[in-house]
Amino acid sequence: MRTNAVAAAILLMMVFLSVPVNGALGADWTKAVAADVTLFYPGVASWEFLTSDDHRLGGREIKQARKDCRHCHLGKGGELDLKADEIAAGSIKMKRSHNPFEPEPLPGKKGIMSAKAQAAYDDEFLYIKVEWESKGAGWSKGAKKSDRVSLQINKAEPTFKKYGCFITCHNDLNTMPESPSKKEVSANPYYGGQQRDDVRLYAYYARSAWDQRRPEGELSKKLKDGGRIDLVSIEFENGVATAFDGWIFDDRRWEDKAGDATGAYSKGKYSAEFKLKLKSKDQFDADLFEGDVVSIGMAVHDDGASKRKHYVSFPFTIGLGVAADIKAEKTK
């Protein structure tokens, strides 16, 4: 986390505004089918990488939005076609630039992990449950690390449906290869106005660079068309699961309200449950209704990993009573 006093104060405020939760949310998971979600370690692969010559043919396909990630990197049986172990070990480089996919190798880190996801809904809420096996590095009392699971959620933006979290990941984010200095960030009117010195996730269509926001007309249209990405997260630390609710557009921001979620660690496994309101009047929430198909991007910070050193999934879909990668059945 943050080392300066201002950032520490922001972090304390986030914790104060969130609620430690460890109880069930009410969904009947015995009737919900569990689906396997494969996550992989991406290193410093970003939206800029995905659309560059380093991605070779894939870069050209993505620029024209013709093929999605799963088309090229997932086999018919669901097997992942990525050298994720080599990325984590720092032993593989990009084709054209010869830059490493991971400039800070992580010896012994597995490139791929698996999680199980379930979904259900009723008249008021969509429930999503995520479980994965873990050593629980952040859960033990006195642990100096934390673990986390986050979901990005959107039903309207076509590039999010194809590329998921990658449309919000950039070379100039905090700890990424082209990240500006803390001094540069804090001197910027936008970030300085928030007393911040770090660049966080942003959608490529809301900023062309960390310090270059798109014109207001473009932003307004994109918001109207559903370009804001809902964000929910649970942090596991010192035996407490803390829920956060936020969004991503021209920045990643946490809302003042606490997240509606619960989580725990037991028998070598983390479990997280999220509760998303249907027909929400909150402009920062995903606008969900029965019959919708919503796209999800999952990120897991495990074994005390922080900032960019996490696992990500390709986008998958949840259908509220309709066919999708995961069909959420209605419960009473």
C-alpha atoms as a PDB file:
ATOM      1  CA  MET A   1       0.000   0.000   0.000  1.00  0.00           C
ATOM      2  CA  ARG A   2       0.777   3.686   0.202  1.00  0.00           C
ATOM      3  CA  THR A   3       3.862   5.001   1.968  1.00  0.00           C
ATOM      4  CA  ASN A   4       3.154   8.723   2.205  1.00  0.00           C
ATOM      5  CA  ALA A   5       0.868  10.285   4.757  1.00  0.00           C
ATOM      6  CA  VAL A   6      -1.765  11.516   2.324  1.00  0.00           C
ATOM      7  CA  ALA A   7      -2.194   8.132   0.643  1.00  0.00           C
ATOM      8  CA  ALA A   8      -2.275   6.415   4.016  1.00  0.00           C
ATOM      9  CA  ALA A   9      -5.122   8.696   5.039  1.00  0.00           C
ATOM     10  CA  ILE A  10      -7.030   7.792   1.880  1.00  0.00           C
ATOM     11  CA  LEU A  11      -6.536   4.106   2.600  1.00  0.00           C
ATOM     12  CA  LEU A  12      -7.782   4.532   6.161  1.00  0.00           C
ATOM     13  CA  MET A  13     -10.842   6.348   4.841  1.00  0.00           C
ATOM     14  CA  MET A  14     -11.561   3.468   2.444  1.00  0.00           C
ATOM     15  CA  VAL A  15     -11.383   0.967   5.275  1.00  0.00           C
ATOM     16  CA  PHE A  16     -13.598   3.126   7.464  1.00  0.00           C
ATOM     17  CA  LEU A  17     -16.185   3.403   4.714  1.00  0.00           C
ATOM     18  CA  SER A  18     -16.198  -0.321   4.054  1.00  0.00           C
ATOM     19  CA  VAL A  19     -17.765  -3.002   6.167  1.00  0.00           C
ATOM     20  CA  PRO A  20     -16.036  -6.162   7.400  1.00  0.00           C
ATOM     21  CA  VAL A  21     -18.444  -8.924   6.482  1.00  0.00           C
ATOM     22  CA  ASN A  22     -18.335 -12.645   7.151  1.00  0.00           C
ATOM     23  CA  GLY A  23     -21.974 -13.784   6.896  1.00  0.00           C
ATOM     24  CA  ALA A  24     -23.931 -15.371   4.059  1.00  0.00           C
ATOM     25  CA  LEU A  25     -25.952 -13.124   1.746  1.00  0.00           C
ATOM     26  CA  GLY A  26     -28.955 -15.420   1.423  1.00  0.00           C
ATOM     27  CA  ALA A  27     -28.485 -17.132  -1.953  1.00  0.00           C
ATOM     28  CA  ASP A  28     -29.064 -20.898  -2.143  1.00  0.00           C
ATOM     29  CA  TRP A  29     -25.825 -22.103  -3.731  1.00  0.00           C
ATOM     30  CA  THR A  30     -26.813 -25.781  -3.614  1.00  0.00           C
ATOM     31  CA  LYS A  31     -28.989 -25.171  -6.687  1.00  0.00           C
ATOM     32  CA  ALA A  32     -26.467 -23.073  -8.647  1.00  0.00           C
ATOM     33  CA  VAL A  33     -24.146 -24.827 -11.099  1.00  0.00           C
ATOM     34  CA  ALA A  34     -20.455 -24.099 -10.470  1.00  0.00           C
ATOM     35  CA  ALA A  35     -18.392 -23.133 -13.512  1.00  0.00           C
ATOM     36  CA  ASP A  36     -14.602 -23.256 -13.749  1.00  0.00           C
ATOM     37  CA  VAL A  37     -12.915 -19.930 -14.511  1.00  0.00           C
ATOM     38  CA  THR A  38      -9.270 -20.069 -15.598  1.00  0.00           C
ATOM     39  CA  LEU A  39      -7.119 -17.102 -14.612  1.00  0.00           C
ATOM     40  CA  PHE A  40      -3.572 -16.415 -15.767  1.00  0.00           C
ATOM     41  CA  TYR A  41      -0.640 -14.195 -14.874  1.00  0.00           C
ATOM     42  CA  PRO A  42      -0.347 -11.422 -17.510  1.00  0.00           C
ATOM     43  CA  GLY A  43       2.865  -9.709 -16.409  1.00  0.00           C
ATOM     44  CA  VAL A  44       2.945  -6.251 -17.977  1.00  0.00           C
ATOM     45  CA  ALA A  45       0.689  -7.139 -20.914  1.00  0.00           C
ATOM     46  CA  SER A  46      -1.615  -4.129 -21.309  1.00  0.00           C
ATOM     47  CA  TRP A  47      -4.136  -2.639 -23.710  1.00  0.00           C
ATOM     48  CA  GLU A  48      -1.215  -1.043 -25.535  1.00  0.00           C
ATOM     49  CA  PHE A  49       0.415  -4.476 -25.896  1.00  0.00           C
ATOM     50  CA  LEU A  50      -2.818  -6.072 -27.100  1.00  0.00           C
ATOM     51  CA  THR A  51      -3.141  -3.507 -29.902  1.00  0.00           C
ATOM     52  CA  SER A  52       0.548  -3.409 -30.857  1.00  0.00           C
ATOM     53  CA  ASP A  53       2.815  -5.281 -33.285  1.00  0.00           C
ATOM     54  CA  ASP A  54       4.190  -7.134 -30.245  1.00  0.00           C
ATOM     55  CA  HIS A  55       0.857  -8.988 -30.270  1.00  0.00           C
ATOM     56  CA  ARG A  56       1.380  -9.717 -33.953  1.00  0.00           C
ATOM     57  CA  LEU A  57      -1.805 -10.775 -35.787  1.00  0.00           C
ATOM     58  CA  GLY A  58      -3.782 -10.392 -32.575  1.00  0.00           C
ATOM     59  CA  GLY A  59      -2.984  -6.688 -32.441  1.00  0.00           C
ATOM     60  CA  ARG A  60      -4.484  -6.099 -35.866  1.00  0.00           C
ATOM     61  CA  GLU A  61      -7.574  -8.146 -35.078  1.00  0.00           C
ATOM     62  CA  ILE A  62      -8.183  -6.245 -31.834  1.00  0.00           C
ATOM     63  CA  LYS A  63      -7.695  -2.831 -33.431  1.00  0.00           C
ATOM     64  CA  GLN A  64     -10.558  -3.720 -35.743  1.00  0.00           C
ATOM     65  CA  ALA A  65     -12.502  -5.476 -32.941  1.00  0.00           C
ATOM     66  CA  ARG A  66     -12.870  -8.582 -35.097  1.00  0.00           C
ATOM     67  CA  LYS A  67     -11.840 -11.323 -32.670  1.00  0.00           C
ATOM     68  CA  ASP A  68     -11.952 -11.585 -28.914  1.00  0.00           C
ATOM     69  CA  CYS A  69      -9.281 -12.963 -26.564  1.00  0.00           C
ATOM     70  CA  ARG A  70     -10.930 -16.330 -26.130  1.00  0.00           C
ATOM     71  CA  HIS A  71     -11.068 -16.931 -29.885  1.00  0.00           C
ATOM     72  CA  CYS A  72      -7.276 -17.224 -30.047  1.00  0.00           C
ATOM     73  CA  HIS A  73      -6.281 -18.268 -26.538  1.00  0.00           C
ATOM     74  CA  LEU A  74      -8.890 -20.784 -25.411  1.00  0.00           C
ATOM     75  CA  GLY A  75      -9.183 -24.227 -26.948  1.00  0.00           C
ATOM     76  CA  LYS A  76     -12.474 -26.005 -27.631  1.00  0.00           C
ATOM     77  CA  GLY A  77     -12.094 -27.908 -24.369  1.00  0.00           C
ATOM     78  CA  GLY A  78     -11.433 -24.720 -22.390  1.00  0.00           C
ATOM     79  CA  GLU A  79      -7.646 -25.211 -22.234  1.00  0.00           C
ATOM     80  CA  LEU A  80      -5.618 -21.996 -22.094  1.00  0.00           C
ATOM     81  CA  ASP A  81      -3.146 -21.342 -24.919  1.00  0.00           C
ATOM     82  CA  LEU A  82      -0.770 -18.950 -23.169  1.00  0.00           C
ATOM     83  CA  LYS A  83       2.791 -19.276 -21.863  1.00  0.00           C
ATOM     84  CA  ALA A  84       1.748 -17.977 -18.473  1.00  0.00           C
ATOM     85  CA  ASP A  85       4.376 -19.903 -16.487  1.00  0.00           C
ATOM     86  CA  GLU A  86       7.120 -18.397 -18.650  1.00  0.00           C
ATOM     87  CA  ILE A  87       5.616 -14.923 -18.200  1.00  0.00           C
ATOM     88  CA  ALA A  88       5.689 -15.228 -14.403  1.00  0.00           C
ATOM     89  CA  ALA A  89       9.267 -16.543 -14.502  1.00  0.00           C
ATOM     90  CA  GLY A  90      10.405 -13.678 -16.741  1.00  0.00           C
ATOM     91  CA  SER A  91      11.739 -16.091 -19.366  1.00  0.00           C
ATOM     92  CA  ILE A  92       9.671 -14.933 -22.341  1.00  0.00           C
ATOM     93  CA  LYS A  93       9.855 -11.670 -24.276  1.00  0.00           C
ATOM     94  CA  MET A  94       7.580  -9.765 -26.639  1.00  0.00           C
ATOM     95  CA  LYS A  95       8.081 -10.510 -30.336  1.00  0.00           C
ATOM     96  CA  ARG A  96       8.972  -7.116 -31.802  1.00  0.00           C
ATOM     97  CA  SER A  97      10.220  -4.940 -28.936  1.00  0.00           C
ATOM     98  CA  HIS A  98      11.887  -7.826 -27.083  1.00  0.00           C
ATOM     99  CA  ASN A  99      10.687  -6.315 -23.829  1.00  0.00           C
ATOM    100  CA  PRO A 100      10.084  -8.887 -21.085  1.00  0.00           C
ATOM    101  CA  PHE A 101       6.490  -9.781 -20.254  1.00  0.00           C
ATOM    102  CA  GLU A 102       7.622  -9.689 -16.617  1.00  0.00           C
ATOM    103  CA  PRO A 103      10.599  -7.427 -15.816  1.00  0.00           C
ATOM    104  CA  GLU A 104      10.496  -8.507 -12.164  1.00  0.00           C
ATOM    105  CA  PRO A 105      10.492 -12.336 -12.337  1.00  0.00           C
ATOM    106  CA  LEU A 106       8.583 -14.267  -9.693  1.00  0.00           C
ATOM    107  CA  PRO A 107      10.437 -17.554  -9.096  1.00  0.00           C
ATOM    108  CA  GLY A 108       8.109 -20.424  -8.325  1.00  0.00           C
ATOM    109  CA  LYS A 109       4.913 -18.501  -9.123  1.00  0.00           C
ATOM    110  CA  LYS A 110       2.422 -20.505 -11.126  1.00  0.00           C
ATOM    111  CA  GLY A 111       1.222 -18.860 -14.297  1.00  0.00           C
ATOM    112  CA  ILE A 112      -2.307 -20.255 -14.132  1.00  0.00           C
ATOM    113  CA  MET A 113      -4.871 -20.661 -11.376  1.00  0.00           C
ATOM    114  CA  SER A 114      -8.468 -21.830 -11.328  1.00  0.00           C
ATOM    115  CA  ALA A 115     -11.528 -20.465  -9.571  1.00  0.00           C
ATOM    116  CA  LYS A 116     -15.114 -21.633  -9.396  1.00  0.00           C
ATOM    117  CA  ALA A 117     -17.952 -19.199 -10.016  1.00  0.00           C
ATOM    118  CA  GLN A 118     -21.697 -19.484  -9.402  1.00  0.00           C
ATOM    119  CA  ALA A 119     -24.570 -17.073  -9.947  1.00  0.00           C
ATOM    120  CA  ALA A 120     -28.187 -16.785  -8.832  1.00  0.00           C
ATOM    121  CA  TYR A 121     -30.763 -14.011  -8.701  1.00  0.00           C
ATOM    122  CA  ASP A 122     -34.106 -13.067  -7.208  1.00  0.00           C
ATOM    123  CA  ASP A 123     -36.463 -10.124  -7.675  1.00  0.00           C
ATOM    124  CA  GLU A 124     -33.986  -7.687  -6.125  1.00  0.00           C
ATOM    125  CA  PHE A 125     -30.416  -8.923  -6.512  1.00  0.00           C
ATOM    126  CA  LEU A 126     -27.886 -10.822  -8.604  1.00  0.00           C
ATOM    127  CA  TYR A 127     -25.612 -12.958  -6.444  1.00  0.00           C
ATOM    128  CA  ILE A 128     -22.153 -14.062  -7.565  1.00  0.00           C
ATOM    129  CA  LYS A 129     -19.971 -16.492  -5.644  1.00  0.00           C
ATOM    130  CA  VAL A 130     -16.248 -17.072  -6.293  1.00  0.00           C
ATOM    131  CA  GLU A 131     -14.027 -19.707  -4.648  1.00  0.00           C
ATOM    132  CA  TRP A 132     -10.381 -20.636  -5.113  1.00  0.00           C
ATOM    133  CA  GLU A 133      -7.750 -22.697  -3.353  1.00  0.00           C
ATOM    134  CA  SER A 134      -5.102 -20.643  -1.571  1.00  0.00           C
ATOM    135  CA  LYS A 135      -2.488 -20.661   1.168  1.00  0.00           C
ATOM    136  CA  GLY A 136      -4.424 -17.774   2.742  1.00  0.00           C
ATOM    137  CA  ALA A 137      -1.391 -15.494   3.070  1.00  0.00           C
ATOM    138  CA  GLY A 138      -3.513 -12.482   3.979  1.00  0.00           C
ATOM    139  CA  TRP A 139      -5.987 -14.203   6.281  1.00  0.00           C
ATOM    140  CA  SER A 140      -3.748 -15.192   9.183  1.00  0.00           C
ATOM    141  CA  LYS A 141      -3.726 -12.942  12.228  1.00  0.00           C
ATOM    142  CA  GLY A 142      -0.791 -10.572  12.080  1.00  0.00           C
ATOM    143  CA  ALA A 143      -0.213 -11.123   8.357  1.00  0.00           C
ATOM    144  CA  LYS A 144       1.544  -8.227   6.664  1.00  0.00           C
ATOM    145  CA  LYS A 145      -0.018  -9.056   3.299  1.00  0.00           C
ATOM    146  CA  SER A 146      -3.555  -9.150   1.980  1.00  0.00           C
ATOM    147  CA  ASP A 147      -5.368 -11.149  -0.675  1.00  0.00           C
ATOM    148  CA  ARG A 148      -8.184  -9.839  -2.870  1.00  0.00           C
ATOM    149  CA  VAL A 149     -10.741 -10.726  -5.506  1.00  0.00           C
ATOM    150  CA  SER A 150     -12.300  -8.103  -7.783  1.00  0.00           C
ATOM    151  CA  LEU A 151     -14.973  -8.206 -10.462  1.00  0.00           C
ATOM    152  CA  GLN A 152     -15.390  -5.713 -13.282  1.00  0.00           C
ATOM    153  CA  ILE A 153     -18.968  -5.734 -14.574  1.00  0.00           C
ATOM    154  CA  ASN A 154     -20.531  -4.254 -17.704  1.00  0.00           C
ATOM    155  CA  LYS A 155     -23.355  -5.279 -20.050  1.00  0.00           C
ATOM    156  CA  ALA A 156     -23.215  -2.603 -22.769  1.00  0.00           C
ATOM    157  CA  GLU A 157     -19.631  -1.906 -23.863  1.00  0.00           C
ATOM    158  CA  PRO A 158     -18.714  -4.209 -26.793  1.00  0.00           C
ATOM    159  CA  THR A 159     -14.943  -4.010 -26.281  1.00  0.00           C
ATOM    160  CA  PHE A 160     -15.326  -5.009 -22.631  1.00  0.00           C
ATOM    161  CA  LYS A 161     -17.316  -8.046 -23.726  1.00  0.00           C
ATOM    162  CA  LYS A 162     -14.433  -9.020 -26.028  1.00  0.00           C
ATOM    163  CA  TYR A 163     -11.389  -8.015 -23.984  1.00  0.00           C
ATOM    164  CA  GLY A 164     -12.550  -7.582 -20.414  1.00  0.00           C
ATOM    165  CA  CYS A 165     -10.159  -6.087 -17.852  1.00  0.00           C
ATOM    166  CA  PHE A 166      -7.543  -5.382 -20.508  1.00  0.00           C
ATOM    167  CA  ILE A 167      -9.411  -2.324 -21.787  1.00  0.00           C
ATOM    168  CA  THR A 168      -8.664  -0.706 -18.395  1.00  0.00           C
ATOM    169  CA  CYS A 169      -5.018  -1.823 -18.089  1.00  0.00           C
ATOM    170  CA  HIS A 170      -2.320   0.487 -19.470  1.00  0.00           C
ATOM    171  CA  ASN A 171       1.449   0.900 -19.676  1.00  0.00           C
ATOM    172  CA  ASP A 172       1.295   4.096 -17.624  1.00  0.00           C
ATOM    173  CA  LEU A 173      -0.540   2.706 -14.583  1.00  0.00           C
ATOM    174  CA  ASN A 174       1.126   2.594 -11.188  1.00  0.00           C
ATOM    175  CA  THR A 175       4.012   0.021 -11.225  1.00  0.00           C
ATOM    176  CA  MET A 176       3.707  -0.544 -14.994  1.00  0.00           C
ATOM    177  CA  PRO A 177       6.715   0.051 -17.337  1.00  0.00           C
ATOM    178  CA  GLU A 178       5.828   3.612 -18.373  1.00  0.00           C
ATOM    179  CA  SER A 179       4.322   4.759 -15.092  1.00  0.00           C
ATOM    180  CA  PRO A 180       5.016   8.474 -14.466  1.00  0.00           C
ATOM    181  CA  SER A 181       6.814   9.469 -11.287  1.00  0.00           C
ATOM    182  CA  LYS A 182       4.877  10.287  -8.157  1.00  0.00           C
ATOM    183  CA  LYS A 183       6.047  13.886  -8.543  1.00  0.00           C
ATOM    184  CA  GLU A 184       4.622  14.107 -12.072  1.00  0.00           C
ATOM    185  CA  VAL A 185       1.291  12.633 -11.021  1.00  0.00           C
ATOM    186  CA  SER A 186       0.840  14.817  -7.952  1.00  0.00           C
ATOM    187  CA  ALA A 187       1.649  17.897 -10.077  1.00  0.00           C
ATOM    188  CA  ASN A 188      -1.176  17.084 -12.485  1.00  0.00           C
ATOM    189  CA  PRO A 189      -4.302  19.195 -11.736  1.00  0.00           C
ATOM    190  CA  TYR A 190      -6.660  16.199 -11.696  1.00  0.00           C
ATOM    191  CA  TYR A 191      -4.613  13.876  -9.513  1.00  0.00           C
ATOM    192  CA  GLY A 192      -3.164  16.671  -7.416  1.00  0.00           C
ATOM    193  CA  GLY A 193      -6.682  17.888  -6.720  1.00  0.00           C
ATOM    194  CA  GLN A 194      -7.371  14.500  -5.138  1.00  0.00           C
ATOM    195  CA  GLN A 195      -4.042  14.566  -3.288  1.00  0.00           C
ATOM    196  CA  ARG A 196      -2.925  11.484  -5.209  1.00  0.00           C
ATOM    197  CA  ASP A 197       0.395  10.441  -6.703  1.00  0.00           C
ATOM    198  CA  ASP A 198      -0.646   7.233  -8.464  1.00  0.00           C
ATOM    199  CA  VAL A 199      -2.336   6.391 -11.781  1.00  0.00           C
ATOM    200  CA  ARG A 200      -5.089   3.789 -11.541  1.00  0.00           C
ATOM    201  CA  LEU A 201      -7.204   1.810 -14.007  1.00  0.00           C
ATOM    202  CA  TYR A 202      -9.038   3.724 -16.741  1.00  0.00           C
ATOM    203  CA  ALA A 203     -10.978   2.725 -19.854  1.00  0.00           C
ATOM    204  CA  TYR A 204      -9.074   3.359 -23.080  1.00  0.00           C
ATOM    205  CA  TYR A 205     -12.058   5.284 -24.507  1.00  0.00           C
ATOM    206  CA  ALA A 206     -12.078   7.715 -21.554  1.00  0.00           C
ATOM    207  CA  ARG A 207      -8.375   8.639 -21.618  1.00  0.00           C
ATOM    208  CA  SER A 208      -5.766   8.390 -24.353  1.00  0.00           C
ATOM    209  CA  ALA A 209      -3.055   8.539 -21.675  1.00  0.00           C
ATOM    210  CA  TRP A 210      -2.891   9.005 -17.910  1.00  0.00           C
ATOM    211  CA  ASP A 211      -2.841  12.808 -18.296  1.00  0.00           C
ATOM    212  CA  GLN A 212      -5.020  13.103 -21.431  1.00  0.00           C
ATOM    213  CA  ARG A 213      -8.733  12.844 -20.806  1.00  0.00           C
ATOM    214  CA  ARG A 214     -10.958  12.486 -23.867  1.00  0.00           C
ATOM    215  CA  PRO A 215     -13.140  15.468 -24.907  1.00  0.00           C
ATOM    216  CA  GLU A 216     -16.235  15.987 -22.762  1.00  0.00           C
ATOM    217  CA  GLY A 217     -18.565  15.275 -25.664  1.00  0.00           C
ATOM    218  CA  GLU A 218     -17.032  11.840 -26.204  1.00  0.00           C
ATOM    219  CA  LEU A 219     -17.145  11.072 -22.491  1.00  0.00           C
ATOM    220  CA  SER A 220     -20.784  12.084 -22.150  1.00  0.00           C
ATOM    221  CA  LYS A 221     -21.790   9.916 -25.101  1.00  0.00           C
ATOM    222  CA  LYS A 222     -19.821   6.946 -23.795  1.00  0.00           C
ATOM    223  CA  LEU A 223     -21.442   7.252 -20.373  1.00  0.00           C
ATOM    224  CA  LYS A 224     -24.872   7.423 -21.987  1.00  0.00           C
ATOM    225  CA  ASP A 225     -24.043   4.284 -23.979  1.00  0.00           C
ATOM    226  CA  GLY A 226     -23.070   2.354 -20.832  1.00  0.00           C
ATOM    227  CA  GLY A 227     -19.290   2.724 -20.901  1.00  0.00           C
ATOM    228  CA  ARG A 228     -18.832   2.968 -17.137  1.00  0.00           C
ATOM    229  CA  ILE A 229     -17.617  -0.316 -15.625  1.00  0.00           C
ATOM    230  CA  ASP A 230     -18.974  -1.376 -12.244  1.00  0.00           C
ATOM    231  CA  LEU A 231     -16.331  -2.650  -9.815  1.00  0.00           C
ATOM    232  CA  VAL A 232     -16.778  -4.747  -6.684  1.00  0.00           C
ATOM    233  CA  SER A 233     -13.987  -6.124  -4.554  1.00  0.00           C
ATOM    234  CA  ILE A 234     -13.253  -8.013  -1.338  1.00  0.00           C
ATOM    235  CA  GLU A 235      -9.953  -7.737   0.522  1.00  0.00           C
ATOM    236  CA  PHE A 236      -8.943 -10.536   2.893  1.00  0.00           C
ATOM    237  CA  GLU A 237      -6.661  -9.373   5.668  1.00  0.00           C
ATOM    238  CA  ASN A 238      -6.046 -10.486   9.254  1.00  0.00           C
ATOM    239  CA  GLY A 239      -9.126 -12.681   9.435  1.00  0.00           C
ATOM    240  CA  VAL A 240     -11.492 -10.019   8.086  1.00  0.00           C
ATOM    241  CA  ALA A 241     -13.147  -9.737   4.672  1.00  0.00           C
ATOM    242  CA  THR A 242     -13.659  -6.084   3.712  1.00  0.00           C
ATOM    243  CA  ALA A 243     -15.970  -5.166   0.843  1.00  0.00           C
ATOM    244  CA  PHE A 244     -15.502  -2.254  -1.559  1.00  0.00           C
ATOM    245  CA  ASP A 245     -17.798  -0.813  -4.226  1.00  0.00           C
ATOM    246  CA  GLY A 246     -16.478   1.339  -7.037  1.00  0.00           C
ATOM    247  CA  TRP A 247     -16.333   2.006 -10.769  1.00  0.00           C
ATOM    248  CA  ILE A 248     -13.922   2.507 -13.654  1.00  0.00           C
ATOM    249  CA  PHE A 249     -14.223   5.080 -16.408  1.00  0.00           C
ATOM    250  CA  ASP A 250     -11.662   7.872 -16.724  1.00  0.00           C
ATOM    251  CA  ASP A 251     -10.260   6.680 -13.394  1.00  0.00           C
ATOM    252  CA  ARG A 252     -10.776   3.906 -10.877  1.00  0.00           C
ATOM    253  CA  ARG A 253     -12.641   5.279  -7.892  1.00  0.00           C
ATOM    254  CA  TRP A 254     -14.127   3.749  -4.751  1.00  0.00           C
ATOM    255  CA  GLU A 255     -17.546   4.976  -3.717  1.00  0.00           C
ATOM    256  CA  ASP A 256     -18.392   6.292  -0.278  1.00  0.00           C
ATOM    257  CA  LYS A 257     -20.858   3.472   0.297  1.00  0.00           C
ATOM    258  CA  ALA A 258     -19.623   0.098   1.468  1.00  0.00           C
ATOM    259  CA  GLY A 259     -19.683  -2.894  -0.829  1.00  0.00           C
ATOM    260  CA  ASP A 260     -22.436  -5.460  -0.321  1.00  0.00           C
ATOM    261  CA  ALA A 261     -20.363  -8.636  -0.143  1.00  0.00           C
ATOM    262  CA  THR A 262     -19.067 -11.301   2.191  1.00  0.00           C
ATOM    263  CA  GLY A 263     -16.047 -13.560   2.300  1.00  0.00           C
ATOM    264  CA  ALA A 264     -13.958 -15.924   4.403  1.00  0.00           C
ATOM    265  CA  TYR A 265     -11.060 -18.374   4.313  1.00  0.00           C
ATOM    266  CA  SER A 266     -11.560 -21.963   5.424  1.00  0.00           C
ATOM    267  CA  LYS A 267      -9.974 -25.372   4.753  1.00  0.00           C
ATOM    268  CA  GLY A 268      -7.452 -24.018   2.258  1.00  0.00           C
ATOM    269  CA  LYS A 269      -9.974 -22.074   0.229  1.00  0.00           C
ATOM    270  CA  TYR A 270     -11.171 -18.473  -0.119  1.00  0.00           C
ATOM    271  CA  SER A 271     -14.867 -17.889  -0.653  1.00  0.00           C
ATOM    272  CA  ALA A 272     -16.368 -14.565  -1.760  1.00  0.00           C
ATOM    273  CA  GLU A 273     -20.009 -13.645  -2.352  1.00  0.00           C
ATOM    274  CA  PHE A 274     -21.181 -10.456  -4.079  1.00  0.00           C
ATOM    275  CA  LYS A 275     -24.684  -9.003  -4.040  1.00  0.00           C
ATOM    276  CA  LEU A 276     -25.574  -6.656  -6.931  1.00  0.00           C
ATOM    277  CA  LYS A 277     -28.824  -4.729  -6.888  1.00  0.00           C
ATOM    278  CA  LEU A 278     -31.157  -5.120  -9.861  1.00  0.00           C
ATOM    279  CA  LYS A 279     -32.815  -2.022 -11.359  1.00  0.00           C
ATOM    280  CA  SER A 280     -30.405   0.115  -9.353  1.00  0.00           C
ATOM    281  CA  LYS A 281     -30.928   3.869  -9.389  1.00  0.00           C
ATOM    282  CA  ASP A 282     -27.254   4.441  -8.580  1.00  0.00           C
ATOM    283  CA  GLN A 283     -25.486   5.827 -11.651  1.00  0.00           C
ATOM    284  CA  PHE A 284     -22.286   4.008 -10.667  1.00  0.00           C
ATOM    285  CA  ASP A 285     -23.880   0.534 -10.540  1.00  0.00           C
ATOM    286  CA  ALA A 286     -24.350  -1.846 -13.454  1.00  0.00           C
ATOM    287  CA  ASP A 287     -27.904  -1.410 -14.790  1.00  0.00           C
ATOM    288  CA  LEU A 288     -29.139  -5.002 -14.405  1.00  0.00           C
ATOM    289  CA  PHE A 289     -32.512  -6.593 -15.221  1.00  0.00           C
ATOM    290  CA  GLU A 290     -33.894 -10.102 -15.536  1.00  0.00           C
ATOM    291  CA  GLY A 291     -33.081 -11.408 -19.017  1.00  0.00           C
ATOM    292  CA  ASP A 292     -29.789  -9.494 -19.252  1.00  0.00           C
ATOM    293  CA  VAL A 293     -26.442 -11.006 -20.169  1.00  0.00           C
ATOM    294  CA  VAL A 294     -23.625  -9.227 -18.344  1.00  0.00           C
ATOM    295  CA  SER A 295     -19.878  -9.494 -18.992  1.00  0.00           C
ATOM    296  CA  ILE A 296     -17.482 -10.100 -16.103  1.00  0.00           C
ATOM    297  CA  GLY A 297     -13.727  -9.693 -15.762  1.00  0.00           C
ATOM    298  CA  MET A 298     -12.164 -11.292 -12.685  1.00  0.00           C
ATOM    299  CA  ALA A 299      -8.879 -10.460 -10.967  1.00  0.00           C
ATOM    300  CA  VAL A 300      -7.375 -12.349  -8.021  1.00  0.00           C
ATOM    301  CA  HIS A 301      -4.519 -11.093  -5.865  1.00  0.00           C
ATOM    302  CA  ASP A 302      -3.339 -14.251  -4.133  1.00  0.00           C
ATOM    303  CA  ASP A 303      -0.417 -15.153  -1.876  1.00  0.00           C
ATOM    304  CA  GLY A 304      -0.063 -11.525  -0.799  1.00  0.00           C
ATOM    305  CA  ALA A 305       0.410 -10.186  -4.341  1.00  0.00           C
ATOM    306  CA  SER A 306      -0.119  -6.439  -4.679  1.00  0.00           C
ATOM    307  CA  LYS A 307      -0.880  -3.940  -7.440  1.00  0.00           C
ATOM    308  CA  ARG A 308      -0.267  -5.349 -10.956  1.00  0.00           C
ATOM    309  CA  LYS A 309       1.008  -8.769  -9.840  1.00  0.00           C
ATOM    310  CA  HIS A 310      -2.321 -10.531  -9.934  1.00  0.00           C
ATOM    311  CA  TYR A 311      -4.156 -13.143 -11.965  1.00  0.00           C
ATOM    312  CA  VAL A 312      -6.830 -12.160 -14.486  1.00  0.00           C
ATOM    313  CA  SER A 313      -9.507 -13.965 -16.446  1.00  0.00           C
ATOM    314  CA  PHE A 314     -10.682 -13.470 -19.967  1.00  0.00           C
ATOM    315  CA  PRO A 315     -14.193 -11.978 -19.914  1.00  0.00           C
ATOM    316  CA  PHE A 316     -17.035 -14.392 -19.307  1.00  0.00           C
ATOM    317  CA  THR A 317     -20.787 -13.849 -19.239  1.00  0.00           C
ATOM    318  CA  ILE A 318     -23.557 -14.352 -16.704  1.00  0.00           C
ATOM    319  CA  GLY A 319     -27.158 -14.566 -17.898  1.00  0.00           C
ATOM    320  CA  LEU A 320     -29.999 -13.633 -15.556  1.00  0.00           C
ATOM    321  CA  GLY A 321     -32.313 -16.502 -16.384  1.00  0.00           C
ATOM    322  CA  VAL A 322     -30.970 -16.754 -19.948  1.00  0.00           C
ATOM    323  CA  ALA A 323     -28.179 -18.710 -21.635  1.00  0.00           C
ATOM    324  CA  ALA A 324     -24.607 -17.503 -21.047  1.00  0.00           C
ATOM    325  CA  ASP A 325     -21.266 -18.914 -19.881  1.00  0.00           C
ATOM    326  CA  ILE A 326     -22.893 -19.052 -16.449  1.00  0.00           C
ATOM    327  CA  LYS A 327     -26.687 -19.104 -16.291  1.00  0.00           C
ATOM    328  CA  ALA A 328     -28.009 -17.559 -13.080  1.00  0.00           C
ATOM    329  CA  GLU A 329     -31.165 -19.368 -12.025  1.00  0.00           C
ATOM    330  CA  LYS A 330     -33.882 -17.449 -10.236  1.00  0.00           C
ATOM    331  CA  THR A 331     -34.451 -18.284  -6.587  1.00  0.00           C
ATOM    332  CA  LYS A 332     -37.393 -17.312  -4.409  1.00  0.00           C
END
